[in-house]
Amino acid sequence: MATRATKKRLPDMLLEQQLVTQEQLQECINLHRQTGMSLPSLLVSKEYLSEEDLVITLSEQLGIPHIRVAHYSIPKEVLSEVPETLARQYQMLPVSVTGDVLTLAMADPLNIMALDDLRMLTSYEIEPVVAVSSELAGAIDKHYGGGKAEDLYASIVGHEEGDANVEELKTTDDIEDVSRLEVGAEDEPVKKLARLILFNALERGASDIHLEPFEKLIRVRYRVDGTLEEAKAPPKSLQQNIIARFKILCGCRIDEHRLPQDGRFRIRYNGREIDFRVGFLPCKYGEKIVLRVLDQSNLTLGLDTLGFEPQPVTAMLEALKLPHGMLLLTGPTGSGKTTTLYSALHKLNSPESNVVTVEDPIEYDLFGVNQVQVQSTIGFTFASALRQILRQDPDIVMVGEIRDGETADVAVKAALTGHLVLSTLHTNDAAGVFPRLMDMGIEPFLVQSSVALAAAQRLFKRVCSDCKEPINVPEEVLDRIQWRGFDYLEQIQFVRGRGCSRCKETGYRGRVAVIEALLNWPELQPLVLQRASGYDIKNQAIACGMQTLRQNGLAKAAKGVSTIEQVLEHTSHD
């Protein structure tokens, strides 16, 4: 293969052109080392860099042209030079053959493994060109055909139900790799359907998968950016087989249909190991299945890389330096609390500290942390597990959730006896943590002495980077939403997403976390002792320098990360 001298390293070029920040680049470099995913792919998936900017930069760096593959008509004899499986695996498409040179469009021309595999397979010299990843995926589907996930249903469901009964499923291997969807005669229809459902979820960036049985159909929905999206339904005749397939993967009883069951399994997708936490719930027309996607590569382990505003990050880092006390995080289900807690644990985890967690369930594996699973069916609750943990000489304890007065009492005592305790509660805001603990039976002087930090978190939809455009917000609107401005922002620019194919005309793609963090300042302590309301505590915290959820959300909108509509939807008046 003819090679060209690289003028500059890609990271240096990206920084020089101010396309990414040093922090964003370092985050993706760390993830590259952890997951093996390419640096360009990570930068795009994190939305730190647009596909177009990446293509232009790669072209300049490598001295190779970039092309728009959507405009090409490729002869069948050229396509035959590259097997479909390799084309999909490495996102590459043969464009032309001239003499002994094969021109190859690639999303990542730095992928040496892909080039080596193809060089071994063909007798051609490889001439790479750069193409936009999304266009390349569409062109691969167009030219090879039959590989687009949604189009595979037709070939999959053409089999008779008897081709994949429960007995046969018992002997099948677990799903190992769903990076590519290949229709082979040797695969059972149900196994293909299971792989298809998982593949679609991962391709869409879904956080959850819902399989819901109704009288005449099985509804499949994916939760993407917090919103459920309906997908094409598999045939009703395969309902029991699909349920059995997922039960087998989870190690659950396939003959139990009356009681709820929980389980988990792991697959491999594009070189990444991804866990699924699965719940089975008996309903009128069968068992509903909900699968939570737990992608370890999406776990950003570092509070300073989560994208929070300066004030809450400073407050949280200050609290994490304390030798003891309680750090409590509150927010609705799906607000990113787990990610924040794990990021805090990652910062605290060291060879000098004994870190123990009690969770229900354990969502992510953390090296060096002793993680304990609650088993409430046998009486091993949060409270009883926490009592046992305190006998294990811990320095730092994480309790997944304080659900009752008993757990709260043990957690408070742990914090007052020299332990740093991290946990979650259900309140509307950070200030609500104090009256909530008192409602659970904790005396005010114990609450005042034990709580070091309370924080509340939400997830906002992120504006699509491909179609966002600036807007002017009238002064009266800014006054109505209590805009106060932010001195640390160099530029204030409100935006909206006009809608495009990448965001499915919604104007949003991805989510961003917003948090408010309240330190237990001395000015707050008399209010806590007096059993003051959350409203009074919040006002005093604002006077001490706390930025509220609304203020932090408005900062995200002012930076062009989210929108004022998201601020109004997810926050209340301060």
Protein backbone atom coordinates (compact mmCIF):
# COMPACT_ATOMS: atom_id res chain seq x y z
CA MET A 1 0.00 0.00 0.00
CA ALA A 2 1.32 3.34 -0.88
CA THR A 3 1.76 5.44 2.22
CA ARG A 4 1.93 9.17 2.69
CA ALA A 5 3.89 10.97 5.34
CA THR A 6 1.74 12.34 8.08
CA LYS A 7 2.21 16.07 8.42
CA LYS A 8 0.99 16.29 12.02
CA ARG A 9 -0.58 14.00 14.58
CA LEU A 10 -4.37 14.06 14.53
CA PRO A 11 -4.69 15.25 18.15
CA ASP A 12 -2.29 18.13 17.48
CA MET A 13 -4.26 19.19 14.41
CA LEU A 14 -7.57 19.06 16.25
CA LEU A 15 -6.19 21.21 19.07
CA GLU A 16 -4.48 23.62 16.68
CA GLN A 17 -7.72 24.16 14.77
CA GLN A 18 -9.64 24.48 18.07
CA LEU A 19 -12.05 21.74 17.04
CA VAL A 20 -11.81 20.08 20.47
CA THR A 21 -10.53 21.07 23.89
CA GLN A 22 -7.59 19.46 25.67
CA GLU A 23 -10.02 18.01 28.25
CA GLN A 24 -12.27 16.46 25.60
CA LEU A 25 -9.28 15.01 23.78
CA GLN A 26 -7.78 13.53 26.94
CA GLU A 27 -11.13 11.99 27.92
CA CYS A 28 -11.39 10.22 24.55
CA ILE A 29 -7.74 9.11 24.67
CA ASN A 30 -8.42 7.50 28.06
CA LEU A 31 -11.54 5.79 26.72
CA HIS A 32 -9.55 4.60 23.69
CA ARG A 33 -7.08 2.91 26.02
CA GLN A 34 -9.90 1.33 28.06
CA THR A 35 -12.20 0.17 25.25
CA GLY A 36 -10.00 -0.15 22.16
CA MET A 37 -12.37 2.06 20.13
CA SER A 38 -10.65 4.37 17.69
CA LEU A 39 -9.99 7.94 18.75
CA PRO A 40 -11.92 9.45 15.79
CA SER A 41 -14.98 7.28 16.54
CA LEU A 42 -14.95 8.29 20.20
CA LEU A 43 -14.68 12.00 19.39
CA VAL A 44 -17.72 11.76 17.10
CA SER A 45 -19.77 9.52 19.42
CA LYS A 46 -19.20 11.98 22.29
CA GLU A 47 -20.29 14.77 19.92
CA TYR A 48 -17.09 16.68 20.56
CA LEU A 49 -16.41 16.68 16.83
CA SER A 50 -18.72 16.60 13.84
CA GLU A 51 -18.26 13.93 11.18
CA GLU A 52 -17.59 16.61 8.57
CA ASP A 53 -14.81 18.25 10.59
CA LEU A 54 -13.28 14.86 11.30
CA VAL A 55 -13.25 13.91 7.62
CA ILE A 56 -11.62 17.20 6.60
CA THR A 57 -8.99 16.93 9.34
CA LEU A 58 -8.17 13.31 8.51
CA SER A 59 -7.88 14.23 4.86
CA GLU A 60 -5.44 17.01 5.65
CA GLN A 61 -3.50 14.93 8.12
CA LEU A 62 -3.02 11.94 5.85
CA GLY A 63 -2.87 13.82 2.57
CA ILE A 64 -5.65 11.76 1.05
CA PRO A 65 -8.87 12.92 -0.63
CA HIS A 66 -12.31 12.80 0.97
CA ILE A 67 -15.35 11.81 -1.08
CA ARG A 68 -19.16 11.77 -0.80
CA VAL A 69 -19.92 8.08 -1.26
CA ALA A 70 -23.65 8.73 -1.57
CA HIS A 71 -23.00 10.06 -5.07
CA TYR A 72 -21.15 6.96 -6.31
CA SER A 73 -22.53 4.10 -8.37
CA ILE A 74 -20.31 1.08 -7.75
CA PRO A 75 -20.19 -1.90 -10.15
CA LYS A 76 -20.90 -5.35 -8.73
CA GLU A 77 -17.47 -6.63 -9.73
CA VAL A 78 -15.86 -3.94 -7.57
CA LEU A 79 -18.13 -4.72 -4.61
CA SER A 80 -17.22 -8.40 -4.86
CA GLU A 81 -13.61 -7.55 -4.01
CA VAL A 82 -14.57 -6.79 -0.39
CA PRO A 83 -16.79 -9.23 1.55
CA GLU A 84 -19.88 -7.68 3.09
CA THR A 85 -18.91 -8.82 6.59
CA LEU A 86 -15.61 -6.91 6.39
CA ALA A 87 -17.29 -3.87 4.86
CA ARG A 88 -19.75 -3.68 7.76
CA GLN A 89 -17.24 -4.58 10.45
CA TYR A 90 -14.71 -1.92 9.45
CA GLN A 91 -17.07 0.60 7.79
CA MET A 92 -15.36 0.57 4.41
CA LEU A 93 -16.60 0.42 0.85
CA PRO A 94 -14.69 -0.43 -2.36
CA VAL A 95 -15.12 2.46 -4.82
CA SER A 96 -13.11 1.53 -7.90
CA VAL A 97 -10.37 -0.72 -9.27
CA THR A 98 -7.69 0.75 -11.53
CA GLY A 99 -5.01 -1.71 -12.56
CA ASP A 100 -3.70 -3.26 -9.37
CA VAL A 101 -5.02 -0.46 -7.12
CA LEU A 102 -8.28 -0.76 -5.14
CA THR A 103 -9.70 2.57 -3.99
CA LEU A 104 -11.35 2.10 -0.61
CA ALA A 105 -13.65 4.58 1.14
CA MET A 106 -13.18 4.42 4.94
CA ALA A 107 -14.61 6.18 7.95
CA ASP A 108 -11.32 5.61 9.78
CA PRO A 109 -8.33 5.32 7.42
CA LEU A 110 -6.09 5.03 10.50
CA ASN A 111 -7.48 1.53 11.15
CA ILE A 112 -4.37 -0.48 10.32
CA MET A 113 -6.08 -3.76 11.22
CA ALA A 114 -8.75 -3.22 8.58
CA LEU A 115 -6.19 -2.39 5.91
CA ASP A 116 -4.05 -5.39 6.83
CA ASP A 117 -7.06 -7.74 6.72
CA LEU A 118 -8.03 -6.51 3.28
CA ARG A 119 -4.47 -6.60 1.98
CA MET A 120 -4.23 -10.25 2.98
CA LEU A 121 -7.56 -11.00 1.33
CA THR A 122 -6.88 -9.31 -2.01
CA SER A 123 -3.95 -8.95 -4.36
CA TYR A 124 -4.48 -5.19 -4.76
CA GLU A 125 -2.61 -2.17 -3.53
CA ILE A 126 -5.03 -0.32 -1.24
CA GLU A 127 -5.66 3.38 -1.87
CA PRO A 128 -7.77 4.73 1.02
CA VAL A 129 -10.03 7.78 0.83
CA VAL A 130 -12.01 9.33 3.70
CA ALA A 131 -15.82 9.34 3.86
CA VAL A 132 -18.43 10.52 6.35
CA SER A 133 -19.40 7.60 8.60
CA SER A 134 -23.18 8.05 8.34
CA GLU A 135 -23.02 8.32 4.53
CA LEU A 136 -20.77 5.29 4.39
CA ALA A 137 -23.19 3.19 6.45
CA GLY A 138 -26.04 4.14 4.12
CA ALA A 139 -23.96 3.36 1.03
CA ILE A 140 -23.01 -0.07 2.41
CA ASP A 141 -26.70 -0.87 2.97
CA LYS A 142 -27.55 0.42 -0.50
CA HIS A 143 -24.91 -1.51 -2.42
CA TYR A 144 -24.74 -4.76 -0.47
CA GLY A 145 -28.39 -4.85 0.49
CA GLY A 146 -30.12 -7.02 3.05
CA GLY A 147 -27.97 -5.82 5.92
CA LYS A 148 -29.88 -2.92 7.32
CA ALA A 149 -31.19 -3.98 10.66
CA GLU A 150 -34.85 -3.14 10.03
CA ASP A 151 -34.81 -5.00 6.71
CA LEU A 152 -33.72 -8.26 8.28
CA TYR A 153 -37.07 -9.00 9.85
CA ALA A 154 -38.46 -10.25 6.56
CA SER A 155 -35.84 -12.94 6.18
CA ILE A 156 -35.79 -13.77 9.86
CA VAL A 157 -39.51 -14.29 10.42
CA GLY A 158 -39.99 -16.31 7.25
CA HIS A 159 -39.30 -19.47 9.23
CA GLU A 160 -41.97 -21.55 10.89
CA GLU A 161 -42.41 -21.32 14.63
CA GLY A 162 -41.32 -24.91 15.06
CA ASP A 163 -37.84 -24.07 13.84
CA ALA A 164 -36.92 -22.69 17.25
CA ASN A 165 -38.72 -24.25 20.19
CA VAL A 166 -37.71 -24.02 23.81
CA GLU A 167 -35.93 -27.35 23.90
CA GLU A 168 -33.70 -26.37 21.04
CA LEU A 169 -32.95 -23.02 22.67
CA LYS A 170 -31.69 -24.78 25.76
CA THR A 171 -28.77 -26.11 23.81
CA THR A 172 -27.83 -22.92 22.00
CA ASP A 173 -24.86 -20.79 22.91
CA ASP A 174 -25.29 -17.35 24.46
CA ILE A 175 -25.12 -14.32 22.23
CA GLU A 176 -21.48 -13.43 21.82
CA ASP A 177 -21.20 -10.74 19.20
CA VAL A 178 -23.89 -8.52 17.66
CA SER A 179 -21.53 -6.20 15.82
CA ARG A 180 -22.73 -7.58 12.50
CA LEU A 181 -26.06 -8.96 11.49
CA GLU A 182 -25.64 -11.81 9.08
CA VAL A 183 -28.51 -13.93 7.91
CA GLY A 184 -27.30 -17.50 7.82
CA ALA A 185 -29.33 -20.64 7.31
CA GLU A 186 -27.70 -22.27 10.31
CA ASP A 187 -29.01 -19.69 12.78
CA GLU A 188 -32.31 -20.17 14.55
CA PRO A 189 -34.94 -17.51 13.80
CA VAL A 190 -35.38 -16.64 17.47
CA LYS A 191 -31.65 -16.23 17.98
CA LYS A 192 -31.57 -13.88 15.01
CA LEU A 193 -34.50 -11.91 16.39
CA ALA A 194 -32.81 -11.54 19.77
CA ARG A 195 -29.61 -10.34 18.13
CA LEU A 196 -31.60 -7.96 15.95
CA ILE A 197 -33.38 -6.39 18.91
CA LEU A 198 -30.08 -5.84 20.73
CA PHE A 199 -28.33 -4.61 17.60
CA ASN A 200 -31.03 -2.04 16.90
CA ALA A 201 -30.86 -0.77 20.46
CA LEU A 202 -27.11 -0.28 20.34
CA GLU A 203 -27.21 1.31 16.90
CA ARG A 204 -29.80 3.82 18.12
CA GLY A 205 -27.93 4.56 21.34
CA ALA A 206 -30.85 3.34 23.45
CA SER A 207 -30.69 3.19 27.24
CA ASP A 208 -33.57 0.70 27.59
CA ILE A 209 -35.45 -1.86 25.48
CA HIS A 210 -39.15 -2.58 26.09
CA LEU A 211 -40.83 -5.75 24.75
CA GLU A 212 -44.54 -5.54 25.55
CA PRO A 213 -47.02 -8.32 24.76
CA PHE A 214 -50.52 -7.32 23.67
CA GLU A 215 -53.43 -9.32 22.30
CA LYS A 216 -52.35 -9.30 18.65
CA LEU A 217 -48.75 -8.09 18.66
CA ILE A 218 -45.49 -7.67 20.52
CA ARG A 219 -44.57 -4.03 20.76
CA VAL A 220 -40.86 -3.20 20.71
CA ARG A 221 -39.78 0.22 21.94
CA TYR A 222 -36.37 1.78 22.53
CA ARG A 223 -35.73 4.61 25.00
CA VAL A 224 -33.48 7.05 23.15
CA ASP A 225 -32.50 10.34 24.81
CA GLY A 226 -35.19 9.76 27.42
CA THR A 227 -38.04 9.22 24.92
CA LEU A 228 -39.55 5.87 23.91
CA GLU A 229 -39.46 5.17 20.15
CA GLU A 230 -41.50 2.37 18.62
CA ALA A 231 -39.82 -0.12 16.29
CA LYS A 232 -41.06 -2.76 13.90
CA ALA A 233 -42.85 -5.54 15.75
CA PRO A 234 -41.78 -9.20 15.50
CA PRO A 235 -44.50 -11.78 14.81
CA LYS A 236 -46.84 -12.59 17.69
CA SER A 237 -46.36 -16.31 17.01
CA LEU A 238 -42.77 -16.10 18.29
CA GLN A 239 -43.64 -14.35 21.53
CA GLN A 240 -42.99 -17.26 23.89
CA ASN A 241 -39.83 -18.22 22.06
CA ILE A 242 -38.41 -14.69 22.32
CA ILE A 243 -39.19 -14.57 26.04
CA ALA A 244 -37.58 -17.98 26.51
CA ARG A 245 -34.50 -16.86 24.59
CA PHE A 246 -33.87 -13.90 26.86
CA LYS A 247 -34.59 -16.00 29.96
CA ILE A 248 -31.97 -18.50 28.88
CA LEU A 249 -29.43 -15.72 28.33
CA CYS A 250 -30.19 -14.41 31.85
CA GLY A 251 -30.16 -17.81 33.53
CA CYS A 252 -33.82 -17.40 34.57
CA ARG A 253 -36.45 -20.16 34.79
CA ILE A 254 -38.21 -20.55 31.44
CA ASP A 255 -41.08 -22.52 33.02
CA GLU A 256 -42.00 -19.72 35.45
CA HIS A 257 -44.61 -17.34 34.01
CA ARG A 258 -46.48 -16.22 37.13
CA LEU A 259 -43.77 -14.45 39.11
CA PRO A 260 -41.43 -11.58 38.14
CA GLN A 261 -37.82 -12.53 37.46
CA ASP A 262 -34.60 -10.56 37.12
CA GLY A 263 -31.33 -11.41 35.44
CA ARG A 264 -28.46 -10.08 33.36
CA PHE A 265 -26.20 -11.14 30.52
CA ARG A 266 -23.28 -9.78 28.53
CA ILE A 267 -22.65 -9.49 24.79
CA ARG A 268 -19.88 -8.23 22.58
CA TYR A 269 -20.56 -5.36 20.18
CA ASN A 270 -17.93 -3.67 18.03
CA GLY A 271 -15.16 -4.86 20.32
CA ARG A 272 -16.95 -3.66 23.49
CA GLU A 273 -18.48 -5.79 26.20
CA ILE A 274 -21.96 -4.58 27.09
CA ASP A 275 -24.12 -5.76 29.98
CA PHE A 276 -27.90 -5.96 29.95
CA ARG A 277 -29.98 -5.94 33.13
CA VAL A 278 -33.29 -7.65 32.42
CA GLY A 279 -36.63 -7.69 34.21
CA PHE A 280 -39.55 -10.03 33.37
CA LEU A 281 -43.02 -8.93 34.52
CA PRO A 282 -46.17 -11.09 34.08
CA CYS A 283 -48.94 -9.13 32.30
CA LYS A 284 -52.35 -9.96 30.84
CA TYR A 285 -51.07 -11.17 27.45
CA GLY A 286 -47.70 -12.53 28.50
CA GLU A 287 -44.49 -11.39 30.15
CA LYS A 288 -43.21 -7.89 29.55
CA ILE A 289 -39.43 -7.60 29.23
CA VAL A 290 -37.38 -4.48 29.97
CA LEU A 291 -33.66 -4.57 29.24
CA ARG A 292 -31.41 -1.81 30.65
CA VAL A 293 -28.32 -1.22 28.48
CA LEU A 294 -25.16 -0.92 30.59
CA ASP A 295 -22.34 0.12 28.30
CA GLN A 296 -19.13 0.35 30.32
CA SER A 297 -17.54 2.56 27.65
CA ASN A 298 -20.20 5.22 28.29
CA LEU A 299 -19.24 5.46 31.95
CA THR A 300 -17.16 8.62 32.18
CA LEU A 301 -15.08 8.06 35.29
CA GLY A 302 -14.13 11.56 36.37
CA LEU A 303 -16.27 14.31 37.91
CA ASP A 304 -14.36 16.95 36.00
CA THR A 305 -15.27 15.30 32.68
CA LEU A 306 -19.04 14.99 33.24
CA GLY A 307 -19.72 18.47 31.86
CA PHE A 308 -21.06 20.05 35.07
CA GLU A 309 -20.78 23.78 35.64
CA PRO A 310 -17.86 25.07 37.77
CA GLN A 311 -19.72 25.74 41.04
CA PRO A 312 -21.25 22.26 41.56
CA VAL A 313 -18.00 20.55 40.50
CA THR A 314 -16.01 22.63 43.00
CA ALA A 315 -18.53 21.85 45.75
CA MET A 316 -18.49 18.12 45.04
CA LEU A 317 -14.71 17.90 44.87
CA GLU A 318 -14.47 19.78 48.18
CA ALA A 319 -16.90 17.33 49.82
CA LEU A 320 -14.98 14.32 48.49
CA LYS A 321 -11.87 15.51 50.34
CA LEU A 322 -13.64 15.16 53.70
CA PRO A 323 -12.63 12.20 55.91
CA HIS A 324 -16.24 11.46 56.89
CA GLY A 325 -19.82 12.56 56.31
CA MET A 326 -22.68 11.86 53.90
CA LEU A 327 -22.78 12.86 50.24
CA LEU A 328 -26.36 12.46 49.01
CA LEU A 329 -27.50 12.65 45.39
CA THR A 330 -31.14 13.04 44.46
CA GLY A 331 -33.09 12.96 41.22
CA PRO A 332 -35.73 10.97 39.33
CA THR A 333 -35.09 7.55 37.80
CA GLY A 334 -32.90 7.85 34.73
CA SER A 335 -31.33 11.17 35.71
CA GLY A 336 -27.74 9.92 35.62
CA LYS A 337 -27.27 9.53 39.39
CA THR A 338 -25.47 6.20 38.96
CA THR A 339 -22.91 7.68 36.59
CA THR A 340 -22.19 10.53 38.99
CA LEU A 341 -21.88 8.19 41.98
CA TYR A 342 -19.54 5.86 40.13
CA SER A 343 -17.46 8.82 38.99
CA ALA A 344 -17.15 9.95 42.61
CA LEU A 345 -16.14 6.42 43.65
CA HIS A 346 -13.56 6.32 40.89
CA LYS A 347 -11.96 9.47 42.27
CA LEU A 348 -11.98 8.10 45.81
CA ASN A 349 -10.78 4.61 44.90
CA SER A 350 -7.13 4.06 45.78
CA PRO A 351 -4.90 1.31 47.24
CA GLU A 352 -4.95 3.18 50.58
CA SER A 353 -8.75 3.08 50.91
CA ASN A 354 -11.17 0.20 51.49
CA VAL A 355 -14.16 1.04 49.30
CA VAL A 356 -17.34 -1.05 49.64
CA THR A 357 -20.71 -0.62 47.94
CA VAL A 358 -24.14 -2.12 48.54
CA GLU A 359 -26.31 -1.94 45.42
CA ASP A 360 -29.60 -3.19 44.01
CA PRO A 361 -28.64 -4.09 41.40
CA ILE A 362 -24.91 -3.80 40.69
CA GLU A 363 -24.85 -1.93 37.39
CA TYR A 364 -21.16 -1.54 36.53
CA ASP A 365 -18.03 -3.39 37.58
CA LEU A 366 -15.43 -1.18 39.28
CA PHE A 367 -11.95 -2.61 39.75
CA GLY A 368 -10.69 -2.31 43.30
CA VAL A 369 -14.17 -1.76 44.76
CA ASN A 370 -15.94 -4.45 46.81
CA GLN A 371 -19.48 -4.51 45.44
CA VAL A 372 -22.31 -6.21 47.37
CA GLN A 373 -25.67 -7.19 45.86
CA VAL A 374 -28.80 -6.73 47.97
CA GLN A 375 -30.98 -9.88 48.26
CA SER A 376 -34.21 -8.62 49.81
CA THR A 377 -36.01 -11.97 49.24
CA ILE A 378 -33.78 -13.57 51.88
CA GLY A 379 -33.71 -10.58 54.21
CA PHE A 380 -30.39 -9.17 53.02
CA THR A 381 -31.60 -5.56 52.72
CA PHE A 382 -29.73 -2.27 52.36
CA ALA A 383 -29.81 -1.83 56.13
CA SER A 384 -28.58 -5.35 56.98
CA ALA A 385 -25.93 -5.25 54.24
CA LEU A 386 -24.71 -1.89 55.50
CA ARG A 387 -24.38 -3.25 59.05
CA GLN A 388 -22.24 -6.12 57.74
CA ILE A 389 -20.14 -3.76 55.63
CA LEU A 390 -19.29 -1.65 58.68
CA ARG A 391 -17.66 -4.76 60.18
CA GLN A 392 -15.37 -4.99 57.14
CA ASP A 393 -13.23 -2.00 58.15
CA PRO A 394 -14.38 0.27 55.29
CA ASP A 395 -13.13 3.78 54.67
CA ILE A 396 -15.71 4.68 52.01
CA VAL A 397 -19.20 3.20 51.66
CA MET A 398 -21.66 3.65 48.81
CA VAL A 399 -25.30 2.75 49.47
CA GLY A 400 -27.31 2.50 46.26
CA GLU A 401 -30.42 4.09 47.76
CA ILE A 402 -31.71 5.13 51.18
CA ARG A 403 -35.25 3.80 50.97
CA ASP A 404 -36.36 3.67 54.59
CA GLY A 405 -35.68 4.96 58.08
CA GLU A 406 -33.66 1.89 59.08
CA THR A 407 -31.19 2.35 56.21
CA ALA A 408 -31.03 6.10 56.87
CA ASP A 409 -30.26 5.48 60.56
CA VAL A 410 -27.39 3.09 59.81
CA ALA A 411 -25.99 5.40 57.10
CA VAL A 412 -26.03 8.41 59.44
CA LYS A 413 -24.30 6.44 62.20
CA ALA A 414 -21.66 5.29 59.70
CA ALA A 415 -21.03 8.89 58.65
CA LEU A 416 -20.70 9.98 62.28
CA THR A 417 -18.22 7.23 63.12
CA GLY A 418 -15.52 8.18 60.66
CA HIS A 419 -16.79 6.86 57.31
CA LEU A 420 -17.47 8.69 54.06
CA VAL A 421 -20.92 7.58 52.88
CA LEU A 422 -22.31 8.13 49.37
CA SER A 423 -25.94 7.43 48.59
CA THR A 424 -29.13 8.58 46.84
CA LEU A 425 -32.53 9.82 47.95
CA HIS A 426 -35.74 10.80 46.23
CA THR A 427 -36.40 14.56 46.62
CA ASN A 428 -37.19 17.36 44.19
CA ASP A 429 -34.04 19.37 44.88
CA ALA A 430 -30.85 19.39 46.96
CA ALA A 431 -32.34 21.35 49.86
CA GLY A 432 -35.12 18.78 50.18
CA VAL A 433 -32.59 16.21 51.43
CA PHE A 434 -32.61 17.68 54.95
CA PRO A 435 -36.38 17.59 55.66
CA ARG A 436 -36.59 14.21 53.89
CA LEU A 437 -34.12 12.63 56.32
CA MET A 438 -36.02 14.13 59.25
CA ASP A 439 -39.26 12.71 57.83
CA MET A 440 -37.53 9.30 57.92
CA GLY A 441 -37.01 9.65 61.67
CA ILE A 442 -33.49 11.12 61.85
CA GLU A 443 -33.10 13.79 64.52
CA PRO A 444 -32.20 17.28 63.23
CA PHE A 445 -28.90 17.45 65.14
CA LEU A 446 -27.84 14.14 63.52
CA VAL A 447 -28.81 15.39 60.05
CA GLN A 448 -26.92 18.64 60.63
CA SER A 449 -23.82 16.76 61.80
CA SER A 450 -23.75 14.02 59.16
CA VAL A 451 -24.74 15.55 55.80
CA ALA A 452 -21.72 17.11 54.09
CA LEU A 453 -23.23 17.65 50.64
CA ALA A 454 -26.60 17.31 48.95
CA ALA A 455 -26.93 17.40 45.17
CA ALA A 456 -29.82 17.14 42.70
CA GLN A 457 -29.40 16.04 39.11
CA ARG A 458 -31.36 15.99 35.85
CA LEU A 459 -30.67 14.95 32.27
CA PHE A 460 -31.39 17.49 29.51
CA LYS A 461 -31.65 16.68 25.83
CA ARG A 462 -28.58 17.88 23.93
CA VAL A 463 -29.06 20.02 20.82
CA CYS A 464 -28.15 18.16 17.63
CA SER A 465 -24.70 19.36 16.58
CA ASP A 466 -25.50 18.86 12.89
CA CYS A 467 -28.51 21.15 12.69
CA LYS A 468 -28.25 23.59 15.59
CA GLU A 469 -28.63 27.24 14.75
CA PRO A 470 -28.42 30.43 16.83
CA ILE A 471 -31.57 32.18 18.02
CA ASN A 472 -32.31 35.50 19.67
CA VAL A 473 -34.20 35.33 22.95
CA PRO A 474 -36.26 38.43 23.80
CA GLU A 475 -35.39 40.22 27.03
CA GLU A 476 -38.86 39.67 28.46
CA VAL A 477 -38.43 35.91 28.05
CA LEU A 478 -35.06 36.03 29.80
CA ASP A 479 -36.63 37.97 32.65
CA ARG A 480 -39.43 35.43 32.92
CA ILE A 481 -37.02 32.51 33.22
CA GLN A 482 -34.94 34.37 35.84
CA TRP A 483 -31.85 34.77 33.65
CA ARG A 484 -29.05 36.31 35.69
CA GLY A 485 -26.10 35.78 33.40
CA PHE A 486 -22.84 33.98 34.06
CA ASP A 487 -19.63 35.90 34.39
CA TYR A 488 -17.46 32.91 33.55
CA LEU A 489 -19.00 32.40 30.11
CA GLU A 490 -16.90 33.97 27.36
CA GLN A 491 -19.74 33.86 24.85
CA ILE A 492 -23.49 33.55 25.31
CA GLN A 493 -25.36 32.06 22.40
CA PHE A 494 -28.77 30.43 22.69
CA VAL A 495 -29.53 27.84 20.01
CA ARG A 496 -32.14 25.43 18.76
CA GLY A 497 -32.08 22.35 16.54
CA ARG A 498 -34.01 22.90 13.34
CA GLY A 499 -34.24 19.12 12.73
CA CYS A 500 -32.31 16.86 10.36
CA SER A 501 -31.94 13.21 9.41
CA ARG A 502 -29.27 12.62 12.09
CA CYS A 503 -31.64 13.61 14.90
CA LYS A 504 -34.79 12.28 13.19
CA GLU A 505 -36.11 15.84 12.83
CA THR A 506 -36.30 16.30 16.61
CA GLY A 507 -33.53 18.87 16.94
CA TYR A 508 -31.94 16.86 19.77
CA ARG A 509 -29.34 14.09 19.87
CA GLY A 510 -27.86 12.77 23.09
CA ARG A 511 -28.24 14.06 26.65
CA VAL A 512 -26.26 16.18 29.08
CA ALA A 513 -26.33 16.12 32.90
CA VAL A 514 -27.24 19.22 34.93
CA ILE A 515 -26.67 19.32 38.69
CA GLU A 516 -27.00 21.61 41.70
CA ALA A 517 -24.70 21.01 44.67
CA LEU A 518 -25.33 22.27 48.19
CA LEU A 519 -22.53 22.14 50.76
CA ASN A 520 -23.60 22.11 54.40
CA TRP A 521 -22.41 25.68 54.94
CA PRO A 522 -22.35 26.99 58.56
CA GLU A 523 -25.17 29.39 57.68
CA LEU A 524 -27.46 26.44 56.95
CA GLN A 525 -26.94 24.57 60.21
CA PRO A 526 -29.24 26.67 62.43
CA LEU A 527 -32.02 26.22 59.87
CA VAL A 528 -31.59 22.45 59.89
CA LEU A 529 -31.66 22.35 63.70
CA GLN A 530 -34.89 24.38 63.63
CA ARG A 531 -36.49 21.93 61.15
CA ALA A 532 -36.77 24.70 58.56
CA SER A 533 -38.50 23.97 55.26
CA GLY A 534 -36.64 23.00 52.14
CA TYR A 535 -37.64 26.36 50.67
CA ASP A 536 -35.89 28.32 53.45
CA ILE A 537 -32.80 26.09 53.28
CA LYS A 538 -32.63 26.56 49.51
CA ASN A 539 -32.81 30.35 49.73
CA GLN A 540 -30.01 30.42 52.29
CA ALA A 541 -27.91 28.07 50.14
CA ILE A 542 -28.36 30.42 47.16
CA ALA A 543 -27.15 33.28 49.38
CA CYS A 544 -24.09 31.15 50.22
CA GLY A 545 -23.24 30.72 46.53
CA MET A 546 -25.16 27.65 45.35
CA GLN A 547 -26.26 27.69 41.73
CA THR A 548 -29.67 26.08 41.33
CA LEU A 549 -30.73 23.49 38.79
CA ARG A 550 -32.40 26.22 36.77
CA GLN A 551 -29.30 28.40 36.81
CA ASN A 552 -27.05 25.51 35.76
CA GLY A 553 -29.55 24.53 33.08
CA LEU A 554 -29.61 28.09 31.74
CA ALA A 555 -25.81 28.01 31.61
CA LYS A 556 -26.05 24.92 29.39
CA ALA A 557 -28.56 26.73 27.17
CA ALA A 558 -26.35 29.84 27.01
CA LYS A 559 -23.42 27.69 25.88
CA GLY A 560 -25.50 26.23 23.04
CA VAL A 561 -25.49 22.73 24.58
CA SER A 562 -29.22 22.52 25.33
CA THR A 563 -32.27 24.77 24.96
CA ILE A 564 -34.43 27.03 27.09
CA GLU A 565 -37.32 24.62 26.45
CA GLN A 566 -35.40 21.87 28.23
CA VAL A 567 -34.67 24.20 31.14
CA LEU A 568 -38.37 24.98 31.56
CA GLU A 569 -39.34 21.32 31.25
CA HIS A 570 -36.91 19.95 33.83
CA THR A 571 -36.52 22.72 36.43
CA SER A 572 -38.79 24.79 38.64
CA HIS A 573 -38.68 28.45 39.65
CA ASP A 574 -35.96 29.20 42.20
